[in-house]
Amino acid sequence: RGDMFQMPFKAEFDLAITLSSLGHILKKDRVKFIRQVYEVLKPGG
């Protein structure tokens, strides 16, 4: 149980997905979310 804008991971995943969740992201939070995705992926993820 956690917040997609403060994910507790650091370069741990080869793959991340989101399905039907983008509507929960306000325009002002999009860049914050994308930066979080970048952080949780391994290089090449």
All heavy atoms as atom14 arrays in JSON, in Angstrom:
{
  "sequence": "RGDMFQMPFKAEFDLAITLSSLGHILKKDRVKFIRQVYEVLKPGG",
  "atom14_mask": [
    [1, 1, 1, 1, 1, 1, 1, 1, 1, 1, 1, 0, 0, 0],
    [1, 1, 1, 1, 0, 0, 0, 0, 0, 0, 0, 0, 0, 0],
    [1, 1, 1, 1, 1, 1, 1, 1, 0, 0, 0, 0, 0, 0],
    [1, 1, 1, 1, 1, 1, 1, 1, 0, 0, 0, 0, 0, 0],
    [1, 1, 1, 1, 1, 1, 1, 1, 1, 1, 1, 0, 0, 0],
    [1, 1, 1, 1, 1, 1, 1, 1, 1, 0, 0, 0, 0, 0],
    [1, 1, 1, 1, 1, 1, 1, 1, 0, 0, 0, 0, 0, 0],
    [1, 1, 1, 1, 1, 1, 1, 0, 0, 0, 0, 0, 0, 0],
    [1, 1, 1, 1, 1, 1, 1, 1, 1, 1, 1, 0, 0, 0],
    [1, 1, 1, 1, 1, 1, 1, 1, 1, 0, 0, 0, 0, 0],
    [1, 1, 1, 1, 1, 0, 0, 0, 0, 0, 0, 0, 0, 0],
    [1, 1, 1, 1, 1, 1, 1, 1, 1, 0, 0, 0, 0, 0],
    [1, 1, 1, 1, 1, 1, 1, 1, 1, 1, 1, 0, 0, 0],
    [1, 1, 1, 1, 1, 1, 1, 1, 0, 0, 0, 0, 0, 0],
    [1, 1, 1, 1, 1, 1, 1, 1, 0, 0, 0, 0, 0, 0],
    [1, 1, 1, 1, 1, 0, 0, 0, 0, 0, 0, 0, 0, 0],
    [1, 1, 1, 1, 1, 1, 1, 1, 0, 0, 0, 0, 0, 0],
    [1, 1, 1, 1, 1, 1, 1, 0, 0, 0, 0, 0, 0, 0],
    [1, 1, 1, 1, 1, 1, 1, 1, 0, 0, 0, 0, 0, 0],
    [1, 1, 1, 1, 1, 1, 0, 0, 0, 0, 0, 0, 0, 0],
    [1, 1, 1, 1, 1, 1, 0, 0, 0, 0, 0, 0, 0, 0],
    [1, 1, 1, 1, 1, 1, 1, 1, 0, 0, 0, 0, 0, 0],
    [1, 1, 1, 1, 0, 0, 0, 0, 0, 0, 0, 0, 0, 0],
    [1, 1, 1, 1, 1, 1, 1, 1, 1, 1, 0, 0, 0, 0],
    [1, 1, 1, 1, 1, 1, 1, 1, 0, 0, 0, 0, 0, 0],
    [1, 1, 1, 1, 1, 1, 1, 1, 0, 0, 0, 0, 0, 0],
    [1, 1, 1, 1, 1, 1, 1, 1, 1, 0, 0, 0, 0, 0],
    [1, 1, 1, 1, 1, 1, 1, 1, 1, 0, 0, 0, 0, 0],
    [1, 1, 1, 1, 1, 1, 1, 1, 0, 0, 0, 0, 0, 0],
    [1, 1, 1, 1, 1, 1, 1, 1, 1, 1, 1, 0, 0, 0],
    [1, 1, 1, 1, 1, 1, 1, 0, 0, 0, 0, 0, 0, 0],
    [1, 1, 1, 1, 1, 1, 1, 1, 1, 0, 0, 0, 0, 0],
    [1, 1, 1, 1, 1, 1, 1, 1, 1, 1, 1, 0, 0, 0],
    [1, 1, 1, 1, 1, 1, 1, 1, 0, 0, 0, 0, 0, 0],
    [1, 1, 1, 1, 1, 1, 1, 1, 1, 1, 1, 0, 0, 0],
    [1, 1, 1, 1, 1, 1, 1, 1, 1, 0, 0, 0, 0, 0],
    [1, 1, 1, 1, 1, 1, 1, 0, 0, 0, 0, 0, 0, 0],
    [1, 1, 1, 1, 1, 1, 1, 1, 1, 1, 1, 1, 0, 0],
    [1, 1, 1, 1, 1, 1, 1, 1, 1, 0, 0, 0, 0, 0],
    [1, 1, 1, 1, 1, 1, 1, 0, 0, 0, 0, 0, 0, 0],
    [1, 1, 1, 1, 1, 1, 1, 1, 0, 0, 0, 0, 0, 0],
    [1, 1, 1, 1, 1, 1, 1, 1, 1, 0, 0, 0, 0, 0],
    [1, 1, 1, 1, 1, 1, 1, 0, 0, 0, 0, 0, 0, 0],
    [1, 1, 1, 1, 0, 0, 0, 0, 0, 0, 0, 0, 0, 0],
    [1, 1, 1, 1, 0, 0, 0, 0, 0, 0, 0, 0, 0, 0]
  ],
  "atom14_positions": [
    [[0.86, -1.18, 0.0], [0.0, 0.0, 0.0], [0.9, 1.23, 0.0], [1.7, 1.42, 0.92], [-0.91, 0.0, 1.21], [-1.92, 1.16, 1.18], [-3.0, 0.99, 2.24], [-3.98, 2.07, 2.12], [-4.02, 3.12, 2.93], [-3.15, 3.23, 3.92], [-4.93, 4.07, 2.75], [0.0, 0.0, 0.0], [0.0, 0.0, 0.0], [0.0, 0.0, 0.0]],
    [[0.8, 2.04, -1.04], [1.69, 3.17, -1.15], [1.23, 4.19, -2.17], [0.24, 3.98, -2.89], [0.0, 0.0, 0.0], [0.0, 0.0, 0.0], [0.0, 0.0, 0.0], [0.0, 0.0, 0.0], [0.0, 0.0, 0.0], [0.0, 0.0, 0.0], [0.0, 0.0, 0.0], [0.0, 0.0, 0.0], [0.0, 0.0, 0.0], [0.0, 0.0, 0.0]],
    [[1.98, 5.25, -2.25], [1.68, 6.42, -3.07], [2.53, 6.36, -4.34], [3.76, 6.26, -4.26], [2.01, 7.67, -2.26], [1.6, 8.96, -2.95], [1.38, 8.95, -4.17], [1.54, 9.99, -2.26], [0.0, 0.0, 0.0], [0.0, 0.0, 0.0], [0.0, 0.0, 0.0], [0.0, 0.0, 0.0], [0.0, 0.0, 0.0], [0.0, 0.0, 0.0]],
    [[1.9, 6.46, -5.51], [2.65, 6.4, -6.76], [3.57, 7.6, -6.95], [4.44, 7.59, -7.81], [1.69, 6.28, -7.95], [0.81, 7.47, -8.17], [-0.12, 7.38, -9.76], [-1.16, 5.95, -9.5], [0.0, 0.0, 0.0], [0.0, 0.0, 0.0], [0.0, 0.0, 0.0], [0.0, 0.0, 0.0], [0.0, 0.0, 0.0], [0.0, 0.0, 0.0]],
    [[3.39, 8.64, -6.14], [4.25, 9.82, -6.22], [5.41, 9.77, -5.22], [6.27, 10.63, -5.23], [3.44, 11.09, -6.0], [2.3, 11.24, -6.96], [0.99, 11.16, -6.53], [2.53, 11.43, -8.32], [-0.07, 11.29, -7.41], [1.48, 11.55, -9.22], [0.17, 11.48, -8.76], [0.0, 0.0, 0.0], [0.0, 0.0, 0.0], [0.0, 0.0, 0.0]],
    [[5.42, 8.74, -4.36], [6.5, 8.55, -3.4], [6.76, 7.05, -3.24], [6.56, 6.49, -2.17], [6.15, 9.18, -2.05], [6.04, 10.7, -2.09], [5.7, 11.28, -0.74], [4.87, 10.75, 0.0], [6.33, 12.38, -0.38], [0.0, 0.0, 0.0], [0.0, 0.0, 0.0], [0.0, 0.0, 0.0], [0.0, 0.0, 0.0], [0.0, 0.0, 0.0]],
    [[7.2, 6.41, -4.3], [7.38, 4.97, -4.26], [8.66, 4.58, -3.53], [9.71, 5.21, -3.73], [7.37, 4.41, -5.69], [6.01, 4.54, -6.36], [5.88, 3.72, -7.97], [6.66, 4.93, -9.03], [0.0, 0.0, 0.0], [0.0, 0.0, 0.0], [0.0, 0.0, 0.0], [0.0, 0.0, 0.0], [0.0, 0.0, 0.0], [0.0, 0.0, 0.0]],
    [[8.59, 3.55, -2.69], [9.72, 3.18, -1.83], [10.72, 2.24, -2.52], [11.14, 1.22, -1.95], [9.03, 2.48, -0.66], [7.86, 1.8, -1.29], [7.39, 2.74, -2.38], [0.0, 0.0, 0.0], [0.0, 0.0, 0.0], [0.0, 0.0, 0.0], [0.0, 0.0, 0.0], [0.0, 0.0, 0.0], [0.0, 0.0, 0.0], [0.0, 0.0, 0.0]],
    [[11.12, 2.56, -3.73], [12.02, 1.7, -4.49], [13.1, 2.56, -5.15], [12.88, 3.73, -5.44], [11.27, 0.93, -5.58], [10.0, 0.28, -5.13], [8.76, 0.75, -5.57], [10.02, -0.79, -4.26], [7.58, 0.16, -5.15], [8.84, -1.4, -3.84], [7.61, -0.91, -4.28], [0.0, 0.0, 0.0], [0.0, 0.0, 0.0], [0.0, 0.0, 0.0]],
    [[14.23, 1.93, -5.43], [15.32, 2.64, -6.1], [15.99, 1.67, -7.07], [16.68, 0.74, -6.66], [16.34, 3.13, -5.06], [17.47, 3.94, -5.64], [17.03, 5.34, -6.05], [18.21, 6.2, -6.46], [17.81, 7.56, -6.88], [0.0, 0.0, 0.0], [0.0, 0.0, 0.0], [0.0, 0.0, 0.0], [0.0, 0.0, 0.0], [0.0, 0.0, 0.0]],
    [[15.78, 1.88, -8.36], [16.43, 1.09, -9.42], [16.31, -0.41, -9.17], [17.28, -1.14, -9.24], [17.9, 1.5, -9.55], [0.0, 0.0, 0.0], [0.0, 0.0, 0.0], [0.0, 0.0, 0.0], [0.0, 0.0, 0.0], [0.0, 0.0, 0.0], [0.0, 0.0, 0.0], [0.0, 0.0, 0.0], [0.0, 0.0, 0.0], [0.0, 0.0, 0.0]],
    [[15.07, -0.88, -8.91], [14.85, -2.29, -8.56], [14.2, -3.12, -9.66], [14.23, -4.34, -9.6], [13.96, -2.37, -7.31], [14.6, -1.84, -6.06], [13.7, -2.05, -4.84], [12.99, -3.08, -4.79], [13.72, -1.18, -3.95], [0.0, 0.0, 0.0], [0.0, 0.0, 0.0], [0.0, 0.0, 0.0], [0.0, 0.0, 0.0], [0.0, 0.0, 0.0]],
    [[13.61, -2.48, -10.67], [12.73, -3.21, -11.58], [13.2, -3.14, -13.04], [13.62, -2.1, -13.52], [11.31, -2.68, -11.47], [10.72, -2.85, -10.11], [10.71, -1.79, -9.2], [10.2, -4.07, -9.7], [10.18, -1.94, -7.93], [9.67, -4.23, -8.43], [9.67, -3.16, -7.54], [0.0, 0.0, 0.0], [0.0, 0.0, 0.0], [0.0, 0.0, 0.0]],
    [[13.11, -4.29, -13.7], [13.36, -4.37, -15.14], [12.17, -3.86, -15.93], [12.3, -3.43, -17.08], [13.61, -5.83, -15.56], [14.63, -6.52, -14.71], [15.81, -6.22, -14.87], [14.22, -7.35, -13.86], [0.0, 0.0, 0.0], [0.0, 0.0, 0.0], [0.0, 0.0, 0.0], [0.0, 0.0, 0.0], [0.0, 0.0, 0.0], [0.0, 0.0, 0.0]],
    [[11.0, -3.95, -15.3], [9.75, -3.61, -15.98], [8.8, -2.99, -14.99], [8.67, -3.46, -13.85], [9.11, -4.87, -16.58], [7.72, -4.74, -17.19], [7.75, -3.86, -18.43], [7.14, -6.11, -17.51], [0.0, 0.0, 0.0], [0.0, 0.0, 0.0], [0.0, 0.0, 0.0], [0.0, 0.0, 0.0], [0.0, 0.0, 0.0], [0.0, 0.0, 0.0]],
    [[8.13, -1.92, -15.4], [7.02, -1.36, -14.64], [5.87, -1.12, -15.61], [6.09, -0.8, -16.78], [7.42, -0.06, -13.95], [0.0, 0.0, 0.0], [0.0, 0.0, 0.0], [0.0, 0.0, 0.0], [0.0, 0.0, 0.0], [0.0, 0.0, 0.0], [0.0, 0.0, 0.0], [0.0, 0.0, 0.0], [0.0, 0.0, 0.0], [0.0, 0.0, 0.0]],
    [[4.66, -1.29, -15.11], [3.48, -1.03, -15.93], [2.47, -0.22, -15.12], [2.53, -0.19, -13.89], [2.78, -2.33, -16.42], [2.18, -3.1, -15.23], [3.74, -3.21, -17.21], [1.23, -4.22, -15.64], [0.0, 0.0, 0.0], [0.0, 0.0, 0.0], [0.0, 0.0, 0.0], [0.0, 0.0, 0.0], [0.0, 0.0, 0.0], [0.0, 0.0, 0.0]],
    [[1.57, 0.43, -15.8], [0.35, 0.92, -15.18], [-0.77, 0.77, -16.2], [-0.59, 1.07, -17.39], [0.48, 2.37, -14.67], [-0.62, 2.64, -13.8], [0.51, 3.39, -15.79], [0.0, 0.0, 0.0], [0.0, 0.0, 0.0], [0.0, 0.0, 0.0], [0.0, 0.0, 0.0], [0.0, 0.0, 0.0], [0.0, 0.0, 0.0], [0.0, 0.0, 0.0]],
    [[-1.9, 0.28, -15.75], [-3.04, 0.02, -16.62], [-4.27, 0.66, -15.99], [-4.62, 0.34, -14.85], [-3.25, -1.48, -16.8], [-2.08, -2.24, -17.45], [-2.29, -3.74, -17.33], [-1.95, -1.84, -18.91], [0.0, 0.0, 0.0], [0.0, 0.0, 0.0], [0.0, 0.0, 0.0], [0.0, 0.0, 0.0], [0.0, 0.0, 0.0], [0.0, 0.0, 0.0]],
    [[-4.9, 1.57, -16.7], [-6.11, 2.24, -16.23], [-5.89, 3.09, -14.99], [-6.83, 3.34, -14.23], [-7.22, 1.21, -15.96], [-7.49, 0.45, -17.1], [0.0, 0.0, 0.0], [0.0, 0.0, 0.0], [0.0, 0.0, 0.0], [0.0, 0.0, 0.0], [0.0, 0.0, 0.0], [0.0, 0.0, 0.0], [0.0, 0.0, 0.0], [0.0, 0.0, 0.0]],
    [[-4.67, 3.55, -14.75], [-4.37, 4.36, -13.56], [-3.98, 5.79, -13.9], [-3.84, 6.62, -13.0], [-3.24, 3.71, -12.75], [-3.61, 2.43, -12.31], [0.0, 0.0, 0.0], [0.0, 0.0, 0.0], [0.0, 0.0, 0.0], [0.0, 0.0, 0.0], [0.0, 0.0, 0.0], [0.0, 0.0, 0.0], [0.0, 0.0, 0.0], [0.0, 0.0, 0.0]],
    [[-3.76, 6.08, -15.17], [-3.26, 7.41, -15.53], [-4.28, 8.5, -15.22], [-3.9, 9.66, -15.0], [-2.88, 7.44, -17.0], [-1.73, 6.52, -17.41], [-1.51, 6.59, -18.92], [-0.45, 6.89, -16.68], [0.0, 0.0, 0.0], [0.0, 0.0, 0.0], [0.0, 0.0, 0.0], [0.0, 0.0, 0.0], [0.0, 0.0, 0.0], [0.0, 0.0, 0.0]],
    [[-5.56, 8.16, -15.17], [-6.58, 9.14, -14.85], [-6.52, 9.64, -13.42], [-7.16, 10.64, -13.08], [0.0, 0.0, 0.0], [0.0, 0.0, 0.0], [0.0, 0.0, 0.0], [0.0, 0.0, 0.0], [0.0, 0.0, 0.0], [0.0, 0.0, 0.0], [0.0, 0.0, 0.0], [0.0, 0.0, 0.0], [0.0, 0.0, 0.0], [0.0, 0.0, 0.0]],
    [[-5.76, 8.95, -12.58], [-5.59, 9.38, -11.19], [-4.48, 10.43, -11.05], [-4.21, 10.88, -9.93], [-5.26, 8.18, -10.3], [-6.35, 7.16, -10.25], [-7.63, 7.44, -9.82], [-6.35, 5.84, -10.57], [-8.37, 6.35, -9.87], [-7.62, 5.36, -10.33], [0.0, 0.0, 0.0], [0.0, 0.0, 0.0], [0.0, 0.0, 0.0], [0.0, 0.0, 0.0]],
    [[-3.85, 10.79, -12.14], [-2.72, 11.72, -12.09], [-3.17, 13.09, -12.63], [-3.52, 13.22, -13.8], [-1.54, 11.19, -12.92], [-1.13, 9.81, -12.43], [-0.36, 12.17, -12.86], [-0.1, 9.12, -13.31], [0.0, 0.0, 0.0], [0.0, 0.0, 0.0], [0.0, 0.0, 0.0], [0.0, 0.0, 0.0], [0.0, 0.0, 0.0], [0.0, 0.0, 0.0]],
    [[-3.16, 14.09, -11.75], [-3.5, 15.44, -12.18], [-2.38, 16.01, -13.05], [-1.22, 15.6, -12.94], [-3.72, 16.34, -10.96], [-4.94, 16.0, -10.09], [-4.92, 16.85, -8.83], [-6.23, 16.22, -10.87], [0.0, 0.0, 0.0], [0.0, 0.0, 0.0], [0.0, 0.0, 0.0], [0.0, 0.0, 0.0], [0.0, 0.0, 0.0], [0.0, 0.0, 0.0]],
    [[-2.74, 16.98, -13.87], [-1.77, 17.59, -14.77], [-0.54, 18.1, -14.03], [0.59, 17.92, -14.48], [-2.43, 18.73, -15.55], [-1.52, 19.36, -16.6], [-2.28, 20.42, -17.4], [-1.38, 21.02, -18.47], [-2.11, 22.04, -19.28], [0.0, 0.0, 0.0], [0.0, 0.0, 0.0], [0.0, 0.0, 0.0], [0.0, 0.0, 0.0], [0.0, 0.0, 0.0]],
    [[-0.75, 18.71, -12.86], [0.36, 19.28, -12.1], [1.3, 18.21, -11.53], [2.43, 18.51, -11.14], [-0.18, 20.13, -10.95], [-0.91, 19.35, -9.87], [-1.45, 20.27, -8.79], [-2.17, 19.51, -7.7], [-1.26, 18.64, -6.92], [0.0, 0.0, 0.0], [0.0, 0.0, 0.0], [0.0, 0.0, 0.0], [0.0, 0.0, 0.0], [0.0, 0.0, 0.0]],
    [[0.85, 16.95, -11.5], [1.64, 15.87, -10.91], [2.29, 14.95, -11.93], [2.98, 13.99, -11.55], [0.75, 15.02, -9.99], [0.25, 15.8, -8.79], [1.01, 16.63, -8.26], [-0.91, 15.57, -8.37], [0.0, 0.0, 0.0], [0.0, 0.0, 0.0], [0.0, 0.0, 0.0], [0.0, 0.0, 0.0], [0.0, 0.0, 0.0], [0.0, 0.0, 0.0]],
    [[2.11, 15.2, -13.21], [2.61, 14.27, -14.22], [4.13, 14.14, -14.19], [4.67, 13.04, -14.24], [2.15, 14.7, -15.61], [0.67, 14.51, -15.85], [0.27, 15.02, -17.22], [-1.15, 15.32, -17.25], [-1.73, 16.05, -18.18], [-1.02, 16.55, -19.18], [-3.02, 16.29, -18.15], [0.0, 0.0, 0.0], [0.0, 0.0, 0.0], [0.0, 0.0, 0.0]],
    [[4.82, 15.27, -14.13], [6.29, 15.22, -14.14], [6.79, 14.52, -12.88], [7.74, 13.72, -12.93], [6.88, 16.63, -14.27], [8.39, 16.61, -14.04], [6.57, 17.21, -15.65], [0.0, 0.0, 0.0], [0.0, 0.0, 0.0], [0.0, 0.0, 0.0], [0.0, 0.0, 0.0], [0.0, 0.0, 0.0], [0.0, 0.0, 0.0], [0.0, 0.0, 0.0]],
    [[6.17, 14.78, -11.74], [6.55, 14.11, -10.49], [6.42, 12.59, -10.64], [7.29, 11.83, -10.21], [5.66, 14.6, -9.35], [6.01, 14.03, -7.99], [4.94, 14.33, -6.94], [4.68, 15.79, -6.78], [3.7, 16.06, -5.69], [0.0, 0.0, 0.0], [0.0, 0.0, 0.0], [0.0, 0.0, 0.0], [0.0, 0.0, 0.0], [0.0, 0.0, 0.0]],
    [[5.32, 12.16, -11.26], [5.1, 10.73, -11.46], [6.16, 10.15, -12.39], [6.74, 9.09, -12.11], [3.71, 10.5, -12.04], [3.45, 9.08, -12.45], [3.3, 8.08, -11.5], [3.39, 8.73, -13.79], [3.08, 6.76, -11.88], [3.16, 7.42, -14.18], [3.01, 6.44, -13.22], [0.0, 0.0, 0.0], [0.0, 0.0, 0.0], [0.0, 0.0, 0.0]],
    [[6.43, 10.82, -13.49], [7.41, 10.32, -14.46], [8.8, 10.2, -13.81], [9.53, 9.23, -14.05], [7.45, 11.22, -15.7], [6.11, 11.12, -16.44], [8.59, 10.82, -16.64], [5.93, 12.16, -17.54], [0.0, 0.0, 0.0], [0.0, 0.0, 0.0], [0.0, 0.0, 0.0], [0.0, 0.0, 0.0], [0.0, 0.0, 0.0], [0.0, 0.0, 0.0]],
    [[9.16, 11.16, -12.99], [10.45, 11.08, -12.29], [10.49, 9.9, -11.34], [11.53, 9.25, -11.2], [10.7, 12.39, -11.53], [11.04, 13.57, -12.45], [11.13, 14.86, -11.67], [11.52, 15.97, -12.53], [11.44, 17.24, -12.17], [10.99, 17.58, -10.97], [11.82, 18.19, -13.02], [0.0, 0.0, 0.0], [0.0, 0.0, 0.0], [0.0, 0.0, 0.0]],
    [[9.37, 9.61, -10.7], [9.31, 8.45, -9.82], [9.5, 7.15, -10.61], [10.21, 6.24, -10.18], [7.97, 8.42, -9.08], [7.9, 9.33, -7.9], [8.71, 8.81, -6.73], [8.37, 7.81, -6.12], [9.8, 9.49, -6.43], [0.0, 0.0, 0.0], [0.0, 0.0, 0.0], [0.0, 0.0, 0.0], [0.0, 0.0, 0.0], [0.0, 0.0, 0.0]],
    [[8.86, 7.07, -11.77], [9.02, 5.89, -12.62], [10.47, 5.71, -13.01], [11.02, 4.59, -12.97], [8.12, 5.99, -13.87], [8.43, 4.86, -14.85], [6.65, 5.96, -13.47], [0.0, 0.0, 0.0], [0.0, 0.0, 0.0], [0.0, 0.0, 0.0], [0.0, 0.0, 0.0], [0.0, 0.0, 0.0], [0.0, 0.0, 0.0], [0.0, 0.0, 0.0]],
    [[11.12, 6.8, -13.38], [12.54, 6.75, -13.76], [13.37, 6.18, -12.61], [14.27, 5.34, -12.82], [13.02, 8.15, -14.13], [14.37, 8.19, -14.82], [14.44, 8.23, -16.21], [15.55, 8.19, -14.1], [15.67, 8.27, -16.86], [16.78, 8.23, -14.73], [16.84, 8.27, -16.11], [18.05, 8.31, -16.74], [0.0, 0.0, 0.0], [0.0, 0.0, 0.0]],
    [[13.07, 6.6, -11.39], [13.86, 6.18, -10.22], [13.68, 4.71, -9.88], [14.61, 4.06, -9.41], [13.49, 7.04, -9.01], [13.95, 8.48, -9.11], [15.46, 8.59, -9.2], [16.16, 7.89, -8.45], [15.94, 9.38, -10.04], [0.0, 0.0, 0.0], [0.0, 0.0, 0.0], [0.0, 0.0, 0.0], [0.0, 0.0, 0.0], [0.0, 0.0, 0.0]],
    [[12.49, 4.16, -10.09], [12.27, 2.77, -9.69], [12.83, 1.77, -10.69], [13.05, 0.59, -10.36], [10.77, 2.47, -9.44], [10.2, 3.44, -8.42], [9.96, 2.49, -10.72], [0.0, 0.0, 0.0], [0.0, 0.0, 0.0], [0.0, 0.0, 0.0], [0.0, 0.0, 0.0], [0.0, 0.0, 0.0], [0.0, 0.0, 0.0], [0.0, 0.0, 0.0]],
    [[13.06, 2.21, -11.93], [13.58, 1.31, -12.96], [15.1, 1.17, -12.89], [15.81, 2.14, -12.61], [13.2, 1.82, -14.35], [11.73, 1.74, -14.76], [11.53, 2.46, -16.1], [11.26, 0.3, -14.86], [0.0, 0.0, 0.0], [0.0, 0.0, 0.0], [0.0, 0.0, 0.0], [0.0, 0.0, 0.0], [0.0, 0.0, 0.0], [0.0, 0.0, 0.0]],
    [[15.57, -0.03, -13.19], [17.0, -0.21, -13.42], [17.38, 0.46, -14.74], [16.51, 0.64, -15.62], [17.32, -1.71, -13.52], [17.04, -2.53, -12.29], [17.3, -3.99, -12.56], [16.96, -4.86, -11.36], [17.16, -6.31, -11.64], [0.0, 0.0, 0.0], [0.0, 0.0, 0.0], [0.0, 0.0, 0.0], [0.0, 0.0, 0.0], [0.0, 0.0, 0.0]],
    [[18.64, 0.83, -14.92], [19.06, 1.29, -16.26], [18.72, 0.22, -17.3], [18.99, -0.96, -17.11], [20.57, 1.46, -16.09], [20.74, 1.77, -14.63], [19.71, 0.93, -13.92], [0.0, 0.0, 0.0], [0.0, 0.0, 0.0], [0.0, 0.0, 0.0], [0.0, 0.0, 0.0], [0.0, 0.0, 0.0], [0.0, 0.0, 0.0], [0.0, 0.0, 0.0]],
    [[18.09, 0.64, -18.36], [17.61, -0.3, -19.38], [16.21, -0.82, -19.12], [15.64, -1.51, -19.96], [0.0, 0.0, 0.0], [0.0, 0.0, 0.0], [0.0, 0.0, 0.0], [0.0, 0.0, 0.0], [0.0, 0.0, 0.0], [0.0, 0.0, 0.0], [0.0, 0.0, 0.0], [0.0, 0.0, 0.0], [0.0, 0.0, 0.0], [0.0, 0.0, 0.0]],
    [[15.64, -0.48, -17.95], [14.29, -0.93, -17.62], [13.24, -0.23, -18.43], [13.43, 0.89, -18.92], [0.0, 0.0, 0.0], [0.0, 0.0, 0.0], [0.0, 0.0, 0.0], [0.0, 0.0, 0.0], [0.0, 0.0, 0.0], [0.0, 0.0, 0.0], [0.0, 0.0, 0.0], [0.0, 0.0, 0.0], [0.0, 0.0, 0.0], [0.0, 0.0, 0.0]]
  ]
}
